Amino acid sequence: MATRLATNPIGFNRSRPFYQSQPTSSQATLQRSNFLHLQSNTTNHTHVLRRLACQKNPIESETPIDGLKSVEESKVSEAASSKAENPDSVQFPNKGINRRIAAVTSVAALGLFVSGRLDVGGAGTLKDLSKAAIPYEKAISNGMPTVVEFYADWCEVCRELAPDVYKVEQQYRDRVNFVMLNVDNTKWEQELDEFGVEGIPHFAFLDKNGNEEGNVVGKLPRQYLVDNVDALAKGEASIPHARAVGQYSSAEARKVHRIADPRSHG
């Protein structure tokens, strides 16, 4: 039986060749427009990505409310921890506290000034000197040198010098008599004339026999009193400051009255 041979001796099926037709001018223009639009969009996306990449503080998403609460609680906890670690940290007072402190200080200063002017309390006032004074009659007869001070309660200079006189008296009271005579007391009229008292305070310095060696009147340096008292205590024949006058109050302004108590030195 005869075998039919294929018309294609190799055995491949023949296919119809495909021919691509050339696009028309309108189709070419549309394709070019689509291409340019696609390229423009790609370029814009590229610029946006570059800007985002160059930002130092990129926009973050909103923090949830729970996250904000946790941040605030963390800050409060840190502040409490810092205060606990530094309990002695300085806290500055406000203006109201400063005003109150200034007011209290002013009142205290005024109180000290008034108490000093009125001779209220404290050592070294005219009252202290008067209480510690030795009676005049005893002083001129006990064989010790004597300092006689003529004074008055209203005398401003007498008050100013009282602390200095008190200190000198405390130092020499075992060797020298200290006598206080109030010029307002008529009991001492004869002594006022005898010692020639015209201004106060008037300090008369007497030797152990009661003879006057000199006097100092008014406000003078404390050393004047110290030098004269020291000379009396040593029994020297004279005192360094036999005649000295400073600021004083006039004895003519005295308020004359009689003190009945015979033990009073005023």
C-alpha atoms as a PDB file:
ATOM      1  CA  MET A   1       0.000   0.000   0.000  1.00  0.00           C
ATOM      2  CA  ALA A   2       1.502   3.122  -0.901  1.00  0.00           C
ATOM      3  CA  THR A   3       2.187   5.709   1.832  1.00  0.00           C
ATOM      4  CA  ARG A   4       1.081   9.338   1.225  1.00  0.00           C
ATOM      5  CA  LEU A   5       3.887  11.751   1.795  1.00  0.00           C
ATOM      6  CA  ALA A   6       3.247  15.028   3.526  1.00  0.00           C
ATOM      7  CA  THR A   7       3.536  18.058   1.440  1.00  0.00           C
ATOM      8  CA  ASN A   8       5.940  19.421   4.097  1.00  0.00           C
ATOM      9  CA  PRO A   9       8.797  17.011   4.186  1.00  0.00           C
ATOM     10  CA  ILE A  10      10.169  18.409   7.470  1.00  0.00           C
ATOM     11  CA  GLY A  11       6.908  17.939   9.337  1.00  0.00           C
ATOM     12  CA  PHE A  12       6.343  21.556  10.532  1.00  0.00           C
ATOM     13  CA  ASN A  13       3.009  23.095   9.979  1.00  0.00           C
ATOM     14  CA  ARG A  14       3.126  26.206   8.021  1.00  0.00           C
ATOM     15  CA  SER A  15       1.646  29.275   9.712  1.00  0.00           C
ATOM     16  CA  ARG A  16       0.489  32.425   8.152  1.00  0.00           C
ATOM     17  CA  PRO A  17       2.979  35.157   8.694  1.00  0.00           C
ATOM     18  CA  PHE A  18       1.812  38.207  10.849  1.00  0.00           C
ATOM     19  CA  TYR A  19       2.332  41.629   9.498  1.00  0.00           C
ATOM     20  CA  GLN A  20       1.992  44.628  11.943  1.00  0.00           C
ATOM     21  CA  SER A  21       0.424  47.550  10.296  1.00  0.00           C
ATOM     22  CA  GLN A  22       1.866  51.017  10.791  1.00  0.00           C
ATOM     23  CA  PRO A  23      -0.232  53.318  13.087  1.00  0.00           C
ATOM     24  CA  THR A  24      -1.990  56.232  11.666  1.00  0.00           C
ATOM     25  CA  SER A  25      -0.927  59.829  12.511  1.00  0.00           C
ATOM     26  CA  SER A  26      -3.788  60.309  15.017  1.00  0.00           C
ATOM     27  CA  GLN A  27      -2.930  57.100  16.799  1.00  0.00           C
ATOM     28  CA  ALA A  28       0.720  58.122  17.007  1.00  0.00           C
ATOM     29  CA  THR A  29      -0.208  61.501  18.520  1.00  0.00           C
ATOM     30  CA  LEU A  30      -2.402  59.819  21.155  1.00  0.00           C
ATOM     31  CA  GLN A  31       0.328  57.367  22.111  1.00  0.00           C
ATOM     32  CA  ARG A  32       2.878  60.170  22.444  1.00  0.00           C
ATOM     33  CA  SER A  33       0.485  62.185  24.668  1.00  0.00           C
ATOM     34  CA  ASN A  34      -0.077  59.197  26.958  1.00  0.00           C
ATOM     35  CA  PHE A  35       3.650  58.654  27.211  1.00  0.00           C
ATOM     36  CA  LEU A  36       4.359  62.265  28.180  1.00  0.00           C
ATOM     37  CA  HIS A  37       1.585  62.229  30.790  1.00  0.00           C
ATOM     38  CA  LEU A  38       2.964  59.056  32.335  1.00  0.00           C
ATOM     39  CA  GLN A  39       6.484  60.523  32.390  1.00  0.00           C
ATOM     40  CA  SER A  40       5.211  63.746  34.065  1.00  0.00           C
ATOM     41  CA  ASN A  41       3.441  61.822  36.823  1.00  0.00           C
ATOM     42  CA  THR A  42       6.554  59.754  37.431  1.00  0.00           C
ATOM     43  CA  THR A  43       8.680  62.913  37.716  1.00  0.00           C
ATOM     44  CA  ASN A  44       6.240  64.547  40.192  1.00  0.00           C
ATOM     45  CA  HIS A  45       6.235  61.462  42.389  1.00  0.00           C
ATOM     46  CA  THR A  46      10.008  61.482  42.334  1.00  0.00           C
ATOM     47  CA  HIS A  47      10.158  65.137  43.486  1.00  0.00           C
ATOM     48  CA  VAL A  48       7.696  64.453  46.292  1.00  0.00           C
ATOM     49  CA  LEU A  49       9.735  61.515  47.523  1.00  0.00           C
ATOM     50  CA  ARG A  50      12.903  63.603  47.415  1.00  0.00           C
ATOM     51  CA  ARG A  51      11.281  66.417  49.459  1.00  0.00           C
ATOM     52  CA  LEU A  52      10.072  63.984  52.082  1.00  0.00           C
ATOM     53  CA  ALA A  53      13.507  62.434  52.303  1.00  0.00           C
ATOM     54  CA  CYS A  54      15.147  65.879  52.836  1.00  0.00           C
ATOM     55  CA  GLN A  55      12.821  67.068  55.645  1.00  0.00           C
ATOM     56  CA  LYS A  56      14.507  67.220  59.107  1.00  0.00           C
ATOM     57  CA  ASN A  57      11.262  66.834  61.072  1.00  0.00           C
ATOM     58  CA  PRO A  58       8.876  64.753  59.027  1.00  0.00           C
ATOM     59  CA  ILE A  59       5.216  64.967  59.972  1.00  0.00           C
ATOM     60  CA  GLU A  60       4.285  62.313  62.437  1.00  0.00           C
ATOM     61  CA  SER A  61       0.969  60.765  62.945  1.00  0.00           C
ATOM     62  CA  GLU A  62      -1.208  62.046  65.780  1.00  0.00           C
ATOM     63  CA  THR A  63      -0.402  60.645  69.208  1.00  0.00           C
ATOM     64  CA  PRO A  64      -3.279  58.722  70.753  1.00  0.00           C
ATOM     65  CA  ILE A  65      -4.926  60.188  73.860  1.00  0.00           C
ATOM     66  CA  ASP A  66      -3.667  57.283  75.938  1.00  0.00           C
ATOM     67  CA  GLY A  67      -0.152  58.110  74.762  1.00  0.00           C
ATOM     68  CA  LEU A  68      -0.526  61.762  75.847  1.00  0.00           C
ATOM     69  CA  LYS A  69      -1.714  60.705  79.284  1.00  0.00           C
ATOM     70  CA  SER A  70       1.252  58.422  79.700  1.00  0.00           C
ATOM     71  CA  VAL A  71       3.640  61.254  78.729  1.00  0.00           C
ATOM     72  CA  GLU A  72       2.068  63.654  81.269  1.00  0.00           C
ATOM     73  CA  GLU A  73       2.189  61.010  83.990  1.00  0.00           C
ATOM     74  CA  SER A  74       5.848  60.401  83.174  1.00  0.00           C
ATOM     75  CA  LYS A  75       6.627  64.147  83.560  1.00  0.00           C
ATOM     76  CA  VAL A  76       4.837  64.340  86.905  1.00  0.00           C
ATOM     77  CA  SER A  77       6.681  61.258  88.112  1.00  0.00           C
ATOM     78  CA  GLU A  78      10.045  62.753  87.077  1.00  0.00           C
ATOM     79  CA  ALA A  79       9.281  66.030  88.913  1.00  0.00           C
ATOM     80  CA  ALA A  80       8.318  64.171  92.091  1.00  0.00           C
ATOM     81  CA  SER A  81      11.459  62.062  91.874  1.00  0.00           C
ATOM     82  CA  SER A  82      13.633  65.178  91.437  1.00  0.00           C
ATOM     83  CA  LYS A  83      12.040  66.848  94.482  1.00  0.00           C
ATOM     84  CA  ALA A  84      12.599  63.727  96.575  1.00  0.00           C
ATOM     85  CA  GLU A  85      16.255  63.567  95.548  1.00  0.00           C
ATOM     86  CA  ASN A  86      16.794  67.244  96.432  1.00  0.00           C
ATOM     87  CA  PRO A  87      14.751  67.939  99.609  1.00  0.00           C
ATOM     88  CA  ASP A  88      16.961  70.911 100.577  1.00  0.00           C
ATOM     89  CA  SER A  89      16.541  72.741  97.310  1.00  0.00           C
ATOM     90  CA  VAL A  90      16.141  76.483  97.778  1.00  0.00           C
ATOM     91  CA  GLN A  91      12.691  77.905  97.234  1.00  0.00           C
ATOM     92  CA  PHE A  92      12.568  81.653  96.844  1.00  0.00           C
ATOM     93  CA  PRO A  93       9.771  83.489  98.671  1.00  0.00           C
ATOM     94  CA  ASN A  94       7.310  85.511  96.740  1.00  0.00           C
ATOM     95  CA  LYS A  95       6.838  89.272  96.978  1.00  0.00           C
ATOM     96  CA  GLY A  96       4.121  88.951  99.608  1.00  0.00           C
ATOM     97  CA  ILE A  97       6.422  87.101 101.999  1.00  0.00           C
ATOM     98  CA  ASN A  98       9.171  89.678 101.418  1.00  0.00           C
ATOM     99  CA  ARG A  99       6.766  92.495 102.309  1.00  0.00           C
ATOM    100  CA  ARG A 100       5.689  90.746 105.507  1.00  0.00           C
ATOM    101  CA  ILE A 101       9.324  90.145 106.534  1.00  0.00           C
ATOM    102  CA  ALA A 102      10.180  93.803 105.883  1.00  0.00           C
ATOM    103  CA  ALA A 103       7.183  94.935 107.945  1.00  0.00           C
ATOM    104  CA  VAL A 104       8.102  92.693 110.890  1.00  0.00           C
ATOM    105  CA  THR A 105      11.723  93.895 110.762  1.00  0.00           C
ATOM    106  CA  SER A 106      10.617  97.542 110.781  1.00  0.00           C
ATOM    107  CA  VAL A 107       8.331  96.982 113.759  1.00  0.00           C
ATOM    108  CA  ALA A 108      11.100  95.185 115.661  1.00  0.00           C
ATOM    109  CA  ALA A 109      13.575  97.988 114.961  1.00  0.00           C
ATOM    110  CA  LEU A 110      11.049 100.583 116.095  1.00  0.00           C
ATOM    111  CA  GLY A 111      10.414  98.627 119.287  1.00  0.00           C
ATOM    112  CA  LEU A 112      14.135  98.506 120.084  1.00  0.00           C
ATOM    113  CA  PHE A 113      14.452 102.243 119.448  1.00  0.00           C
ATOM    114  CA  VAL A 114      11.508 103.104 121.700  1.00  0.00           C
ATOM    115  CA  SER A 115      12.699 100.784 124.470  1.00  0.00           C
ATOM    116  CA  GLY A 116      16.126 102.429 124.331  1.00  0.00           C
ATOM    117  CA  ARG A 117      14.615 105.891 124.551  1.00  0.00           C
ATOM    118  CA  LEU A 118      12.464 104.953 127.514  1.00  0.00           C
ATOM    119  CA  ASP A 119      15.207 103.060 129.391  1.00  0.00           C
ATOM    120  CA  VAL A 120      13.043  99.943 129.537  1.00  0.00           C
ATOM    121  CA  GLY A 121      14.948  96.863 130.622  1.00  0.00           C
ATOM    122  CA  GLY A 122      18.475  95.841 129.680  1.00  0.00           C
ATOM    123  CA  ALA A 123      21.768  96.497 131.475  1.00  0.00           C
ATOM    124  CA  GLY A 124      23.368  99.919 131.433  1.00  0.00           C
ATOM    125  CA  THR A 125      20.344 102.217 131.791  1.00  0.00           C
ATOM    126  CA  LEU A 126      19.996 105.158 134.182  1.00  0.00           C
ATOM    127  CA  LYS A 127      17.770 102.986 136.372  1.00  0.00           C
ATOM    128  CA  ASP A 128      20.487 100.341 136.601  1.00  0.00           C
ATOM    129  CA  LEU A 129      23.076 102.929 137.556  1.00  0.00           C
ATOM    130  CA  SER A 130      20.797 104.482 140.179  1.00  0.00           C
ATOM    131  CA  LYS A 131      20.038 101.106 141.767  1.00  0.00           C
ATOM    132  CA  ALA A 132      23.711 100.129 141.958  1.00  0.00           C
ATOM    133  CA  ALA A 133      24.882 103.541 143.220  1.00  0.00           C
ATOM    134  CA  ILE A 134      26.365 104.006 146.701  1.00  0.00           C
ATOM    135  CA  PRO A 135      24.794 106.652 148.969  1.00  0.00           C
ATOM    136  CA  TYR A 136      26.698 109.941 148.817  1.00  0.00           C
ATOM    137  CA  GLU A 137      27.202 110.150 152.597  1.00  0.00           C
ATOM    138  CA  LYS A 138      28.736 106.676 152.677  1.00  0.00           C
ATOM    139  CA  ALA A 139      30.961 107.299 149.670  1.00  0.00           C
ATOM    140  CA  ILE A 140      32.716 110.362 151.120  1.00  0.00           C
ATOM    141  CA  SER A 141      33.473 108.557 154.375  1.00  0.00           C
ATOM    142  CA  ASN A 142      34.567 105.013 153.449  1.00  0.00           C
ATOM    143  CA  GLY A 143      38.153 105.919 152.469  1.00  0.00           C
ATOM    144  CA  MET A 144      37.778 105.131 148.747  1.00  0.00           C
ATOM    145  CA  PRO A 145      37.934 107.518 145.760  1.00  0.00           C
ATOM    146  CA  THR A 146      34.548 108.488 144.336  1.00  0.00           C
ATOM    147  CA  VAL A 147      32.906 109.397 141.045  1.00  0.00           C
ATOM    148  CA  VAL A 148      29.772 111.530 141.480  1.00  0.00           C
ATOM    149  CA  GLU A 149      27.438 111.804 138.488  1.00  0.00           C
ATOM    150  CA  PHE A 150      24.783 114.527 138.408  1.00  0.00           C
ATOM    151  CA  TYR A 151      22.005 113.450 136.035  1.00  0.00           C
ATOM    152  CA  ALA A 152      18.260 113.677 135.225  1.00  0.00           C
ATOM    153  CA  ASP A 153      15.778 111.166 133.793  1.00  0.00           C
ATOM    154  CA  TRP A 154      14.856 113.571 130.969  1.00  0.00           C
ATOM    155  CA  CYS A 155      18.508 114.157 129.980  1.00  0.00           C
ATOM    156  CA  GLU A 156      19.143 112.679 126.505  1.00  0.00           C
ATOM    157  CA  VAL A 157      22.928 112.820 126.831  1.00  0.00           C
ATOM    158  CA  CYS A 158      22.738 111.072 130.210  1.00  0.00           C
ATOM    159  CA  ARG A 159      20.829 108.217 128.607  1.00  0.00           C
ATOM    160  CA  GLU A 160      23.295 107.904 125.729  1.00  0.00           C
ATOM    161  CA  LEU A 161      26.294 107.714 128.072  1.00  0.00           C
ATOM    162  CA  ALA A 162      24.663 105.331 130.577  1.00  0.00           C
ATOM    163  CA  PRO A 163      25.906 102.085 128.904  1.00  0.00           C
ATOM    164  CA  ASP A 164      29.531 103.328 128.900  1.00  0.00           C
ATOM    165  CA  VAL A 165      29.309 104.462 132.526  1.00  0.00           C
ATOM    166  CA  TYR A 166      27.829 101.105 133.461  1.00  0.00           C
ATOM    167  CA  LYS A 167      30.721  99.188 131.876  1.00  0.00           C
ATOM    168  CA  VAL A 168      33.341 101.324 133.636  1.00  0.00           C
ATOM    169  CA  GLU A 169      31.494 100.901 136.921  1.00  0.00           C
ATOM    170  CA  GLN A 170      31.444  97.116 136.569  1.00  0.00           C
ATOM    171  CA  GLN A 171      35.210  97.162 136.036  1.00  0.00           C
ATOM    172  CA  TYR A 172      36.195  99.422 138.978  1.00  0.00           C
ATOM    173  CA  ARG A 173      33.361  99.125 141.495  1.00  0.00           C
ATOM    174  CA  ASP A 174      35.539  97.211 143.983  1.00  0.00           C
ATOM    175  CA  ARG A 175      38.057 100.111 144.156  1.00  0.00           C
ATOM    176  CA  VAL A 176      36.005 103.235 143.377  1.00  0.00           C
ATOM    177  CA  ASN A 177      32.634 104.523 144.677  1.00  0.00           C
ATOM    178  CA  PHE A 178      30.021 105.433 142.064  1.00  0.00           C
ATOM    179  CA  VAL A 179      27.343 107.890 143.187  1.00  0.00           C
ATOM    180  CA  MET A 180      24.258 109.080 141.264  1.00  0.00           C
ATOM    181  CA  LEU A 181      22.612 112.418 142.206  1.00  0.00           C
ATOM    182  CA  ASN A 182      19.393 113.487 140.474  1.00  0.00           C
ATOM    183  CA  VAL A 183      19.418 117.261 139.860  1.00  0.00           C
ATOM    184  CA  ASP A 184      15.596 117.342 140.062  1.00  0.00           C
ATOM    185  CA  ASN A 185      15.822 116.471 143.757  1.00  0.00           C
ATOM    186  CA  THR A 186      16.027 119.590 145.945  1.00  0.00           C
ATOM    187  CA  LYS A 187      17.963 117.529 148.455  1.00  0.00           C
ATOM    188  CA  TRP A 188      21.118 118.119 146.392  1.00  0.00           C
ATOM    189  CA  GLU A 189      20.913 121.891 146.068  1.00  0.00           C
ATOM    190  CA  GLN A 190      24.032 122.404 148.181  1.00  0.00           C
ATOM    191  CA  GLU A 191      26.042 119.834 146.162  1.00  0.00           C
ATOM    192  CA  LEU A 192      24.916 121.468 142.915  1.00  0.00           C
ATOM    193  CA  ASP A 193      26.341 124.789 144.102  1.00  0.00           C
ATOM    194  CA  GLU A 194      29.453 123.204 145.615  1.00  0.00           C
ATOM    195  CA  PHE A 195      30.455 121.393 142.415  1.00  0.00           C
ATOM    196  CA  GLY A 196      29.248 124.198 140.145  1.00  0.00           C
ATOM    197  CA  VAL A 197      26.849 122.017 138.141  1.00  0.00           C
ATOM    198  CA  GLU A 198      25.505 123.908 135.107  1.00  0.00           C
ATOM    199  CA  GLY A 199      25.234 121.106 132.562  1.00  0.00           C
ATOM    200  CA  ILE A 200      24.522 117.396 132.829  1.00  0.00           C
ATOM    201  CA  PRO A 201      25.778 114.770 132.923  1.00  0.00           C
ATOM    202  CA  HIS A 202      28.379 116.219 135.249  1.00  0.00           C
ATOM    203  CA  PHE A 203      31.080 113.824 136.539  1.00  0.00           C
ATOM    204  CA  ALA A 204      33.042 114.939 139.599  1.00  0.00           C
ATOM    205  CA  PHE A 205      36.164 112.933 140.509  1.00  0.00           C
ATOM    206  CA  LEU A 206      37.019 112.870 144.236  1.00  0.00           C
ATOM    207  CA  ASP A 207      40.090 111.388 145.898  1.00  0.00           C
ATOM    208  CA  LYS A 208      39.845 109.086 148.942  1.00  0.00           C
ATOM    209  CA  ASN A 209      39.565 112.133 151.235  1.00  0.00           C
ATOM    210  CA  GLY A 210      36.617 113.608 149.344  1.00  0.00           C
ATOM    211  CA  ASN A 211      38.577 116.376 147.610  1.00  0.00           C
ATOM    212  CA  GLU A 212      37.658 117.102 143.987  1.00  0.00           C
ATOM    213  CA  GLU A 213      40.466 116.553 141.501  1.00  0.00           C
ATOM    214  CA  GLY A 214      38.526 117.562 138.399  1.00  0.00           C
ATOM    215  CA  ASN A 215      35.310 117.138 136.421  1.00  0.00           C
ATOM    216  CA  VAL A 216      34.050 116.136 133.003  1.00  0.00           C
ATOM    217  CA  VAL A 217      30.793 117.539 131.600  1.00  0.00           C
ATOM    218  CA  GLY A 218      28.657 116.287 128.711  1.00  0.00           C
ATOM    219  CA  LYS A 219      29.224 113.759 125.982  1.00  0.00           C
ATOM    220  CA  LEU A 220      32.876 112.842 125.541  1.00  0.00           C
ATOM    221  CA  PRO A 221      34.728 109.697 124.423  1.00  0.00           C
ATOM    222  CA  ARG A 222      34.463 106.808 126.860  1.00  0.00           C
ATOM    223  CA  GLN A 223      38.244 106.811 127.256  1.00  0.00           C
ATOM    224  CA  TYR A 224      38.063 110.109 129.153  1.00  0.00           C
ATOM    225  CA  LEU A 225      36.038 108.428 131.882  1.00  0.00           C
ATOM    226  CA  VAL A 226      38.216 105.302 131.851  1.00  0.00           C
ATOM    227  CA  ASP A 227      41.463 107.294 132.211  1.00  0.00           C
ATOM    228  CA  ASN A 228      40.164 109.387 135.119  1.00  0.00           C
ATOM    229  CA  VAL A 229      38.654 106.423 136.992  1.00  0.00           C
ATOM    230  CA  ASP A 230      41.809 104.382 136.503  1.00  0.00           C
ATOM    231  CA  ALA A 231      43.891 107.224 137.939  1.00  0.00           C
ATOM    232  CA  LEU A 232      41.622 107.388 141.003  1.00  0.00           C
ATOM    233  CA  ALA A 233      41.817 103.610 141.492  1.00  0.00           C
ATOM    234  CA  LYS A 234      45.632 103.775 141.437  1.00  0.00           C
ATOM    235  CA  GLY A 235      45.709 106.648 143.940  1.00  0.00           C
ATOM    236  CA  GLU A 236      47.469 109.068 141.599  1.00  0.00           C
ATOM    237  CA  ALA A 237      47.749 112.705 142.647  1.00  0.00           C
ATOM    238  CA  SER A 238      45.915 114.002 139.569  1.00  0.00           C
ATOM    239  CA  ILE A 239      43.686 112.795 136.781  1.00  0.00           C
ATOM    240  CA  PRO A 240      44.440 113.039 133.036  1.00  0.00           C
ATOM    241  CA  HIS A 241      41.272 114.967 132.136  1.00  0.00           C
ATOM    242  CA  ALA A 242      40.664 117.455 134.930  1.00  0.00           C
ATOM    243  CA  ARG A 243      38.576 119.897 132.830  1.00  0.00           C
ATOM    244  CA  ALA A 244      36.675 118.654 129.777  1.00  0.00           C
ATOM    245  CA  VAL A 245      33.323 119.746 128.342  1.00  0.00           C
ATOM    246  CA  GLY A 246      31.293 118.130 125.585  1.00  0.00           C
ATOM    247  CA  GLN A 247      27.678 118.220 124.460  1.00  0.00           C
ATOM    248  CA  TYR A 248      25.393 118.425 127.504  1.00  0.00           C
ATOM    249  CA  SER A 249      21.861 119.236 128.693  1.00  0.00           C
ATOM    250  CA  SER A 250      21.343 122.445 130.640  1.00  0.00           C
ATOM    251  CA  ALA A 251      20.741 121.986 134.367  1.00  0.00           C
ATOM    252  CA  GLU A 252      18.431 124.996 134.295  1.00  0.00           C
ATOM    253  CA  ALA A 253      15.769 122.785 132.670  1.00  0.00           C
ATOM    254  CA  ARG A 254      15.545 120.607 135.766  1.00  0.00           C
ATOM    255  CA  LYS A 255      12.174 119.781 137.269  1.00  0.00           C
ATOM    256  CA  VAL A 256      12.599 120.446 140.976  1.00  0.00           C
ATOM    257  CA  HIS A 257      10.836 118.126 143.404  1.00  0.00           C
ATOM    258  CA  ARG A 258      11.464 116.614 146.790  1.00  0.00           C
ATOM    259  CA  ILE A 259      12.047 112.874 147.174  1.00  0.00           C
ATOM    260  CA  ALA A 260      10.936 111.722 150.608  1.00  0.00           C
ATOM    261  CA  ASP A 261      12.738 108.364 150.644  1.00  0.00           C
ATOM    262  CA  PRO A 262      16.035 108.968 152.496  1.00  0.00           C
ATOM    263  CA  ARG A 263      17.527 105.827 150.918  1.00  0.00           C
ATOM    264  CA  SER A 264      17.042 107.175 147.428  1.00  0.00           C
ATOM    265  CA  HIS A 265      20.138 108.332 145.601  1.00  0.00           C
ATOM    266  CA  GLY A 266      18.067 110.382 143.201  1.00  0.00           C
END
